[in-house]
N, C-alpha and C. Protein backbone atom coordinates (compact mmCIF):
# COMPACT_ATOMS: atom_id res chain seq x y z
N MET A 1 -45.28 4.94 -22.79
CA MET A 1 -43.97 4.69 -22.23
C MET A 1 -42.97 5.62 -22.91
N PRO A 2 -42.12 6.28 -22.10
CA PRO A 2 -41.18 7.23 -22.69
C PRO A 2 -40.09 6.49 -23.48
N LYS A 3 -39.55 7.18 -24.45
CA LYS A 3 -38.46 6.62 -25.26
C LYS A 3 -37.23 6.49 -24.37
N VAL A 4 -36.52 5.39 -24.54
CA VAL A 4 -35.33 5.12 -23.74
C VAL A 4 -34.13 5.01 -24.68
N LEU A 5 -33.04 5.66 -24.31
CA LEU A 5 -31.80 5.58 -25.06
C LEU A 5 -30.98 4.44 -24.47
N THR A 6 -30.51 3.52 -25.32
CA THR A 6 -29.88 2.30 -24.80
C THR A 6 -28.40 2.15 -25.17
N SER A 7 -27.80 3.16 -25.73
CA SER A 7 -26.37 3.05 -26.05
C SER A 7 -25.73 4.44 -25.95
N TRP A 8 -24.41 4.45 -25.82
CA TRP A 8 -23.70 5.71 -25.76
C TRP A 8 -23.87 6.49 -27.06
N LYS A 9 -23.95 5.76 -28.16
CA LYS A 9 -24.11 6.42 -29.45
C LYS A 9 -25.45 7.17 -29.52
N GLU A 10 -26.50 6.54 -29.03
CA GLU A 10 -27.82 7.19 -29.02
C GLU A 10 -27.83 8.42 -28.13
N VAL A 11 -27.19 8.31 -26.94
CA VAL A 11 -27.14 9.45 -26.02
C VAL A 11 -26.34 10.58 -26.65
N ALA A 12 -25.22 10.24 -27.29
CA ALA A 12 -24.38 11.25 -27.93
C ALA A 12 -25.14 11.94 -29.06
N GLN A 13 -25.87 11.19 -29.87
CA GLN A 13 -26.66 11.79 -30.94
C GLN A 13 -27.76 12.68 -30.38
N TYR A 14 -28.38 12.24 -29.29
CA TYR A 14 -29.45 13.02 -28.68
C TYR A 14 -28.93 14.38 -28.19
N LEU A 15 -27.69 14.38 -27.64
CA LEU A 15 -27.11 15.61 -27.13
C LEU A 15 -26.31 16.38 -28.19
N GLY A 16 -26.10 15.75 -29.33
CA GLY A 16 -25.34 16.41 -30.39
C GLY A 16 -23.85 16.51 -30.07
N LYS A 17 -23.33 15.54 -29.35
CA LYS A 17 -21.91 15.50 -28.97
C LYS A 17 -21.32 14.16 -29.35
N GLY A 18 -20.01 14.00 -29.12
CA GLY A 18 -19.36 12.73 -29.38
C GLY A 18 -19.56 11.75 -28.23
N VAL A 19 -19.34 10.48 -28.53
CA VAL A 19 -19.54 9.43 -27.52
C VAL A 19 -18.60 9.65 -26.32
N ARG A 20 -17.33 9.92 -26.59
CA ARG A 20 -16.37 10.10 -25.48
C ARG A 20 -16.72 11.32 -24.63
N THR A 21 -17.23 12.38 -25.25
CA THR A 21 -17.63 13.57 -24.49
C THR A 21 -18.77 13.21 -23.54
N VAL A 22 -19.73 12.48 -24.05
CA VAL A 22 -20.89 12.09 -23.23
C VAL A 22 -20.44 11.17 -22.09
N GLN A 23 -19.53 10.26 -22.36
CA GLN A 23 -19.02 9.38 -21.31
C GLN A 23 -18.26 10.18 -20.25
N ARG A 24 -17.49 11.16 -20.68
CA ARG A 24 -16.77 12.02 -19.73
C ARG A 24 -17.76 12.80 -18.88
N TRP A 25 -18.83 13.33 -19.51
CA TRP A 25 -19.85 14.05 -18.74
C TRP A 25 -20.48 13.14 -17.69
N GLU A 26 -20.70 11.89 -18.04
CA GLU A 26 -21.29 10.96 -17.07
C GLU A 26 -20.34 10.75 -15.90
N ARG A 27 -19.04 10.58 -16.21
CA ARG A 27 -18.04 10.36 -15.16
C ARG A 27 -17.83 11.59 -14.29
N GLN A 28 -17.64 12.74 -14.92
CA GLN A 28 -17.20 13.94 -14.19
C GLN A 28 -18.35 14.85 -13.75
N LEU A 29 -19.40 14.89 -14.51
CA LEU A 29 -20.45 15.87 -14.23
C LEU A 29 -21.77 15.25 -13.80
N GLY A 30 -21.85 13.93 -13.80
CA GLY A 30 -23.05 13.28 -13.30
C GLY A 30 -24.20 13.20 -14.30
N LEU A 31 -23.91 13.06 -15.58
CA LEU A 31 -24.97 12.87 -16.58
C LEU A 31 -25.79 11.66 -16.17
N PRO A 32 -27.12 11.80 -16.10
CA PRO A 32 -27.96 10.70 -15.58
C PRO A 32 -28.06 9.52 -16.56
N VAL A 33 -27.23 8.54 -16.33
CA VAL A 33 -27.22 7.32 -17.12
C VAL A 33 -27.24 6.16 -16.15
N ARG A 34 -28.07 5.16 -16.45
CA ARG A 34 -28.16 3.98 -15.57
C ARG A 34 -27.46 2.80 -16.25
N ARG A 35 -26.90 1.96 -15.42
CA ARG A 35 -26.26 0.74 -15.92
C ARG A 35 -26.97 -0.45 -15.30
N PRO A 36 -27.67 -1.23 -16.12
CA PRO A 36 -28.37 -2.40 -15.57
C PRO A 36 -27.39 -3.38 -14.93
N ALA A 37 -27.84 -4.04 -13.88
CA ALA A 37 -26.98 -4.98 -13.16
C ALA A 37 -26.56 -6.12 -14.08
N LYS A 38 -25.31 -6.52 -13.95
CA LYS A 38 -24.72 -7.65 -14.67
C LYS A 38 -24.78 -7.49 -16.19
N ALA A 39 -24.93 -6.29 -16.67
CA ALA A 39 -24.94 -6.06 -18.11
C ALA A 39 -23.76 -5.16 -18.45
N ARG A 40 -22.66 -5.76 -18.82
CA ARG A 40 -21.45 -5.02 -19.08
C ARG A 40 -21.58 -4.25 -20.39
N GLY A 41 -21.30 -2.95 -20.33
CA GLY A 41 -21.33 -2.12 -21.52
C GLY A 41 -22.70 -1.60 -21.89
N CYS A 42 -23.74 -2.04 -21.21
CA CYS A 42 -25.10 -1.58 -21.51
C CYS A 42 -25.45 -0.39 -20.64
N ILE A 43 -26.18 0.54 -21.22
CA ILE A 43 -26.64 1.70 -20.46
C ILE A 43 -28.09 1.96 -20.81
N ILE A 44 -28.74 2.72 -19.94
CA ILE A 44 -30.11 3.16 -20.18
C ILE A 44 -30.17 4.62 -19.76
N ALA A 45 -30.73 5.46 -20.64
CA ALA A 45 -30.89 6.88 -20.33
C ALA A 45 -32.28 7.32 -20.81
N VAL A 46 -32.91 8.14 -19.99
CA VAL A 46 -34.23 8.66 -20.33
C VAL A 46 -34.06 10.11 -20.80
N PRO A 47 -34.58 10.44 -21.98
CA PRO A 47 -34.39 11.79 -22.53
C PRO A 47 -34.87 12.91 -21.60
N GLU A 48 -35.97 12.68 -20.87
CA GLU A 48 -36.49 13.71 -19.96
C GLU A 48 -35.48 14.01 -18.85
N GLU A 49 -34.83 12.97 -18.33
CA GLU A 49 -33.83 13.17 -17.28
C GLU A 49 -32.61 13.91 -17.85
N ILE A 50 -32.22 13.56 -19.06
CA ILE A 50 -31.09 14.23 -19.70
C ILE A 50 -31.40 15.71 -19.92
N ASP A 51 -32.64 15.99 -20.39
CA ASP A 51 -33.05 17.39 -20.61
C ASP A 51 -33.00 18.18 -19.31
N ALA A 52 -33.50 17.57 -18.22
CA ALA A 52 -33.49 18.26 -16.93
C ALA A 52 -32.05 18.49 -16.47
N TRP A 53 -31.18 17.52 -16.68
CA TRP A 53 -29.78 17.66 -16.29
C TRP A 53 -29.10 18.78 -17.08
N VAL A 54 -29.35 18.82 -18.41
CA VAL A 54 -28.76 19.86 -19.26
C VAL A 54 -29.24 21.23 -18.81
N GLN A 55 -30.53 21.35 -18.52
CA GLN A 55 -31.08 22.63 -18.09
C GLN A 55 -30.48 23.06 -16.75
N LEU A 56 -30.36 22.13 -15.83
CA LEU A 56 -29.76 22.44 -14.53
C LEU A 56 -28.29 22.83 -14.69
N TRP A 57 -27.57 22.13 -15.55
CA TRP A 57 -26.16 22.41 -15.77
C TRP A 57 -25.97 23.79 -16.39
N GLN A 58 -26.80 24.12 -17.38
CA GLN A 58 -26.70 25.43 -18.02
C GLN A 58 -27.05 26.53 -17.03
N CYS A 59 -28.04 26.29 -16.19
CA CYS A 59 -28.45 27.27 -15.19
C CYS A 59 -27.30 27.51 -14.20
N SER A 60 -26.65 26.43 -13.75
CA SER A 60 -25.57 26.59 -12.77
C SER A 60 -24.35 27.26 -13.40
N LYS A 61 -24.11 27.06 -14.69
CA LYS A 61 -23.00 27.73 -15.36
C LYS A 61 -23.26 29.23 -15.50
N ASN A 62 -24.52 29.60 -15.70
CA ASN A 62 -24.86 31.01 -15.89
C ASN A 62 -24.89 31.78 -14.57
N VAL A 63 -25.00 31.06 -13.46
CA VAL A 63 -25.06 31.72 -12.16
C VAL A 63 -23.64 32.00 -11.70
N SER A 64 -23.20 33.23 -11.80
CA SER A 64 -21.88 33.57 -11.30
C SER A 64 -21.84 35.01 -10.81
N GLY A 65 -22.84 35.74 -11.12
CA GLY A 65 -22.87 37.14 -10.75
C GLY A 65 -23.40 37.34 -9.34
N PRO A 66 -23.84 38.57 -9.04
CA PRO A 66 -24.37 38.84 -7.71
C PRO A 66 -25.69 38.10 -7.49
N GLY A 67 -26.06 37.99 -6.28
CA GLY A 67 -27.30 37.31 -5.93
C GLY A 67 -27.00 36.16 -5.00
N PRO A 68 -28.03 35.56 -4.43
CA PRO A 68 -27.82 34.50 -3.43
C PRO A 68 -27.15 33.25 -4.04
N LEU A 69 -27.57 32.86 -5.25
CA LEU A 69 -26.97 31.66 -5.84
C LEU A 69 -25.54 31.92 -6.31
N GLY A 70 -25.28 33.08 -6.87
CA GLY A 70 -23.93 33.40 -7.33
C GLY A 70 -22.93 33.42 -6.19
N GLY A 71 -23.32 34.03 -5.06
CA GLY A 71 -22.45 34.07 -3.89
C GLY A 71 -22.21 32.68 -3.31
N ALA A 72 -23.27 31.88 -3.27
CA ALA A 72 -23.13 30.52 -2.74
C ALA A 72 -22.21 29.69 -3.63
N LEU A 73 -22.37 29.86 -4.94
CA LEU A 73 -21.52 29.12 -5.87
C LEU A 73 -20.06 29.54 -5.73
N ALA A 74 -19.82 30.83 -5.58
CA ALA A 74 -18.45 31.30 -5.40
C ALA A 74 -17.84 30.75 -4.10
N ALA A 75 -18.65 30.73 -3.04
CA ALA A 75 -18.17 30.18 -1.75
C ALA A 75 -17.86 28.70 -1.88
N ILE A 76 -18.70 27.98 -2.60
CA ILE A 76 -18.47 26.54 -2.79
C ILE A 76 -17.20 26.31 -3.59
N ARG A 77 -16.98 27.13 -4.61
CA ARG A 77 -15.76 26.99 -5.41
C ARG A 77 -14.51 27.27 -4.57
N GLN A 78 -14.57 28.30 -3.72
CA GLN A 78 -13.42 28.60 -2.85
C GLN A 78 -13.17 27.45 -1.88
N GLU A 79 -14.25 26.93 -1.31
CA GLU A 79 -14.13 25.80 -0.38
C GLU A 79 -13.53 24.59 -1.10
N ASN A 80 -13.98 24.37 -2.32
CA ASN A 80 -13.46 23.25 -3.11
C ASN A 80 -11.96 23.42 -3.36
N GLU A 81 -11.53 24.62 -3.69
CA GLU A 81 -10.11 24.90 -3.93
C GLU A 81 -9.29 24.69 -2.65
N ARG A 82 -9.83 25.17 -1.52
CA ARG A 82 -9.14 25.00 -0.24
C ARG A 82 -9.01 23.52 0.12
N LEU A 83 -10.08 22.76 -0.09
CA LEU A 83 -10.05 21.33 0.21
C LEU A 83 -9.08 20.58 -0.72
N ALA A 84 -9.01 21.01 -1.98
CA ALA A 84 -8.06 20.39 -2.91
C ALA A 84 -6.63 20.63 -2.44
N GLN A 85 -6.34 21.84 -1.96
CA GLN A 85 -4.99 22.14 -1.45
C GLN A 85 -4.69 21.32 -0.19
N GLN A 86 -5.68 21.18 0.68
CA GLN A 86 -5.49 20.37 1.88
C GLN A 86 -5.24 18.91 1.52
N LEU A 87 -5.94 18.41 0.50
CA LEU A 87 -5.76 17.04 0.06
C LEU A 87 -4.33 16.82 -0.44
N ILE A 88 -3.82 17.76 -1.23
CA ILE A 88 -2.46 17.64 -1.74
C ILE A 88 -1.46 17.65 -0.58
N ALA A 89 -1.67 18.53 0.38
CA ALA A 89 -0.77 18.59 1.54
C ALA A 89 -0.83 17.28 2.34
N ALA A 90 -2.02 16.73 2.51
CA ALA A 90 -2.17 15.47 3.25
C ALA A 90 -1.51 14.32 2.50
N GLN A 91 -1.61 14.31 1.17
CA GLN A 91 -0.97 13.26 0.39
C GLN A 91 0.54 13.35 0.51
N LEU A 92 1.09 14.56 0.50
CA LEU A 92 2.54 14.73 0.66
C LEU A 92 2.99 14.26 2.04
N GLU A 93 2.22 14.64 3.06
CA GLU A 93 2.56 14.23 4.42
C GLU A 93 2.48 12.71 4.56
N ASN A 94 1.46 12.11 3.95
CA ASN A 94 1.31 10.66 3.97
C ASN A 94 2.50 9.99 3.31
N SER A 95 2.94 10.52 2.20
CA SER A 95 4.10 9.96 1.50
C SER A 95 5.35 10.04 2.38
N ALA A 96 5.55 11.18 3.03
CA ALA A 96 6.71 11.33 3.91
C ALA A 96 6.64 10.36 5.09
N LEU A 97 5.45 10.20 5.67
CA LEU A 97 5.30 9.28 6.80
C LEU A 97 5.55 7.83 6.37
N ARG A 98 5.06 7.47 5.19
CA ARG A 98 5.31 6.12 4.69
C ARG A 98 6.80 5.87 4.48
N SER A 99 7.49 6.89 3.98
CA SER A 99 8.92 6.77 3.78
C SER A 99 9.64 6.56 5.10
N ARG A 100 9.26 7.33 6.12
CA ARG A 100 9.85 7.17 7.45
C ARG A 100 9.54 5.80 8.03
N GLN A 101 8.30 5.35 7.81
CA GLN A 101 7.89 4.04 8.32
C GLN A 101 8.71 2.92 7.66
N ASP A 102 8.92 3.01 6.36
CA ASP A 102 9.73 2.02 5.66
C ASP A 102 11.16 2.02 6.19
N TYR A 103 11.72 3.21 6.41
CA TYR A 103 13.07 3.32 6.95
C TYR A 103 13.15 2.68 8.33
N ALA A 104 12.15 2.96 9.17
CA ALA A 104 12.13 2.40 10.53
C ALA A 104 12.01 0.88 10.48
N ARG A 105 11.19 0.36 9.58
CA ARG A 105 11.05 -1.10 9.45
C ARG A 105 12.38 -1.74 9.04
N ARG A 106 13.08 -1.10 8.09
CA ARG A 106 14.37 -1.64 7.68
C ARG A 106 15.36 -1.62 8.84
N ALA A 107 15.35 -0.55 9.62
CA ALA A 107 16.26 -0.45 10.77
C ALA A 107 15.93 -1.52 11.81
N VAL A 108 14.66 -1.75 12.07
CA VAL A 108 14.26 -2.77 13.04
C VAL A 108 14.70 -4.15 12.57
N ARG A 109 14.49 -4.43 11.27
CA ARG A 109 14.93 -5.73 10.74
C ARG A 109 16.44 -5.91 10.87
N ALA A 110 17.20 -4.86 10.61
CA ALA A 110 18.65 -4.93 10.74
C ALA A 110 19.03 -5.21 12.20
N CYS A 111 18.38 -4.54 13.13
CA CYS A 111 18.65 -4.78 14.56
C CYS A 111 18.29 -6.21 14.96
N GLN A 112 17.16 -6.69 14.43
CA GLN A 112 16.75 -8.06 14.75
C GLN A 112 17.78 -9.07 14.23
N ARG A 113 18.29 -8.83 13.02
CA ARG A 113 19.31 -9.73 12.47
C ARG A 113 20.58 -9.68 13.32
N ALA A 114 20.97 -8.48 13.74
CA ALA A 114 22.17 -8.33 14.56
C ALA A 114 21.98 -9.04 15.90
N LEU A 115 20.82 -8.89 16.52
CA LEU A 115 20.55 -9.56 17.80
C LEU A 115 20.53 -11.07 17.62
N GLU A 116 19.97 -11.54 16.52
CA GLU A 116 19.94 -12.98 16.25
C GLU A 116 21.36 -13.51 16.10
N ALA A 117 22.21 -12.77 15.41
CA ALA A 117 23.60 -13.19 15.26
C ALA A 117 24.30 -13.21 16.60
N GLN A 118 24.07 -12.20 17.44
CA GLN A 118 24.67 -12.18 18.78
C GLN A 118 24.16 -13.33 19.62
N ARG A 119 22.88 -13.60 19.53
CA ARG A 119 22.29 -14.67 20.32
C ARG A 119 22.90 -16.00 19.90
N THR A 120 23.07 -16.20 18.61
CA THR A 120 23.65 -17.45 18.12
C THR A 120 25.08 -17.60 18.61
N THR A 121 25.87 -16.54 18.54
CA THR A 121 27.25 -16.58 19.02
C THR A 121 27.26 -16.85 20.53
N GLY A 122 26.41 -16.18 21.25
CA GLY A 122 26.31 -16.38 22.70
C GLY A 122 25.92 -17.81 23.03
N GLU A 123 25.01 -18.39 22.26
CA GLU A 123 24.60 -19.77 22.50
C GLU A 123 25.75 -20.74 22.26
N LEU A 124 26.54 -20.46 21.22
CA LEU A 124 27.70 -21.33 20.95
C LEU A 124 28.70 -21.29 22.09
N ILE A 125 28.98 -20.10 22.60
CA ILE A 125 29.92 -19.96 23.71
C ILE A 125 29.38 -20.67 24.95
N GLU A 126 28.10 -20.47 25.22
CA GLU A 126 27.47 -21.10 26.37
C GLU A 126 27.52 -22.62 26.25
N LEU A 127 27.24 -23.12 25.04
CA LEU A 127 27.29 -24.56 24.81
C LEU A 127 28.70 -25.10 25.00
N SER A 128 29.69 -24.37 24.54
CA SER A 128 31.09 -24.79 24.71
C SER A 128 31.45 -24.91 26.18
N PHE A 129 31.07 -23.92 26.99
CA PHE A 129 31.35 -23.98 28.42
C PHE A 129 30.61 -25.14 29.08
N LYS A 130 29.41 -25.40 28.64
CA LYS A 130 28.63 -26.49 29.21
C LYS A 130 29.31 -27.83 28.93
N ILE A 131 29.80 -27.99 27.70
CA ILE A 131 30.49 -29.24 27.35
C ILE A 131 31.78 -29.37 28.15
N LEU A 132 32.51 -28.27 28.28
CA LEU A 132 33.76 -28.33 29.04
C LEU A 132 33.52 -28.64 30.50
N ARG A 133 32.41 -28.16 31.03
CA ARG A 133 32.09 -28.47 32.43
C ARG A 133 31.74 -29.94 32.60
N GLN A 134 31.01 -30.49 31.61
CA GLN A 134 30.58 -31.88 31.73
C GLN A 134 31.74 -32.86 31.55
N VAL A 135 32.64 -32.51 30.67
CA VAL A 135 33.75 -33.41 30.39
C VAL A 135 35.04 -32.69 30.77
N ASP A 136 35.61 -33.08 31.85
CA ASP A 136 36.87 -32.47 32.27
C ASP A 136 37.99 -33.23 31.57
N LEU A 137 38.53 -32.61 30.52
CA LEU A 137 39.50 -33.28 29.67
C LEU A 137 40.82 -33.56 30.39
N ARG A 138 41.13 -32.83 31.47
CA ARG A 138 42.40 -33.04 32.16
C ARG A 138 42.39 -34.32 32.97
N ARG A 139 41.26 -34.70 33.52
CA ARG A 139 41.22 -35.85 34.41
C ARG A 139 40.89 -37.15 33.70
N SER A 140 40.06 -37.08 32.65
CA SER A 140 39.68 -38.32 31.97
C SER A 140 40.46 -38.43 30.67
N GLY A 141 40.66 -39.60 30.22
CA GLY A 141 41.37 -39.83 28.97
C GLY A 141 40.40 -39.88 27.81
N VAL A 142 39.41 -39.00 27.79
CA VAL A 142 38.36 -39.03 26.76
C VAL A 142 38.89 -38.43 25.47
N ILE A 143 38.53 -39.06 24.36
CA ILE A 143 38.84 -38.53 23.04
C ILE A 143 37.54 -37.96 22.48
N VAL A 144 37.56 -36.70 22.13
CA VAL A 144 36.35 -36.04 21.64
C VAL A 144 36.45 -35.91 20.14
N TYR A 145 35.51 -36.48 19.39
CA TYR A 145 35.49 -36.38 17.94
C TYR A 145 34.48 -35.32 17.51
N GLY A 146 34.86 -34.55 16.49
CA GLY A 146 33.92 -33.63 15.85
C GLY A 146 33.48 -32.46 16.69
N MET A 147 34.23 -32.12 17.72
CA MET A 147 33.83 -30.95 18.52
C MET A 147 34.34 -29.71 17.82
N ALA A 148 33.44 -28.93 17.24
CA ALA A 148 33.84 -27.75 16.47
C ALA A 148 34.05 -26.58 17.41
N ILE A 149 35.18 -25.94 17.26
CA ILE A 149 35.48 -24.73 18.01
C ILE A 149 35.40 -23.58 17.04
N PRO A 150 34.71 -22.50 17.38
CA PRO A 150 34.59 -21.39 16.44
C PRO A 150 35.95 -20.91 15.97
N GLY A 151 36.10 -20.73 14.65
CA GLY A 151 37.34 -20.27 14.07
C GLY A 151 38.28 -21.40 13.69
N GLN A 152 37.91 -22.64 14.02
CA GLN A 152 38.75 -23.78 13.72
C GLN A 152 38.35 -24.34 12.35
N SER A 153 39.32 -24.84 11.59
CA SER A 153 39.00 -25.41 10.28
C SER A 153 38.24 -26.71 10.45
N ARG A 154 37.56 -27.15 9.38
CA ARG A 154 36.75 -28.35 9.43
C ARG A 154 37.62 -29.60 9.65
N SER A 155 38.78 -29.64 9.03
CA SER A 155 39.64 -30.82 9.18
C SER A 155 40.15 -30.93 10.61
N ALA A 156 40.43 -29.79 11.25
CA ALA A 156 40.90 -29.81 12.64
C ALA A 156 39.79 -30.27 13.57
N ALA A 157 38.55 -29.96 13.23
CA ALA A 157 37.43 -30.35 14.07
C ALA A 157 37.18 -31.84 14.00
N ASN A 158 37.56 -32.51 12.91
CA ASN A 158 37.29 -33.94 12.76
C ASN A 158 38.42 -34.81 13.33
N ARG A 159 39.55 -34.20 13.65
CA ARG A 159 40.64 -34.96 14.26
C ARG A 159 40.33 -35.21 15.72
N PRO A 160 40.73 -36.35 16.22
CA PRO A 160 40.49 -36.61 17.64
C PRO A 160 41.35 -35.70 18.52
N VAL A 161 40.74 -35.27 19.60
CA VAL A 161 41.45 -34.46 20.57
C VAL A 161 41.77 -35.37 21.75
N GLU A 162 43.05 -35.56 22.02
CA GLU A 162 43.43 -36.43 23.10
C GLU A 162 43.96 -35.58 24.25
N SER A 163 43.63 -35.98 25.41
CA SER A 163 44.12 -35.24 26.56
C SER A 163 45.07 -36.15 27.35
N ARG A 164 45.92 -35.50 28.09
CA ARG A 164 46.84 -36.25 28.93
C ARG A 164 46.11 -36.62 30.22
N ALA A 165 46.34 -37.79 30.63
CA ALA A 165 45.75 -38.20 31.90
C ALA A 165 46.64 -37.70 33.03
N VAL A 166 46.05 -37.02 33.95
CA VAL A 166 46.78 -36.47 35.08
C VAL A 166 46.72 -37.50 36.21
N LYS A 167 47.85 -37.84 36.75
CA LYS A 167 47.89 -38.85 37.81
C LYS A 167 47.97 -38.24 39.16
């Protein structure tokens, strides 16, 4: 059975680097380290896989000159740079669109509040006309208590309103 490295410290010692460097390599460069399920902070690494990864990494770093691999690597790097620039542009555009969307939402809410206020005022006027139609104050001697008229003080609304009886 092959020897298994079970901690970041062991992996770092095996590679002759610091623990944080090895963890960064795992995150950014794909150092072959396994994390057992439901085991927080535990890792497993096989030295043979690490050796193969190091050899592949060194080989890819050395390939930059002429030849099929060097040209392919250069093309991939250019494509990566172009995609990174497109990502930045898309993020800026997304930010601008979100800003416009937020502004539009605020404007819609303001319009809804204004329409609600108009509707409420319109309902009050409509209700007032309905009451006046139902109770003809000129013909009947009705005393109306608590009928609030917009703009009237509270004390005036609580006083009885008497009408003259027309004969």
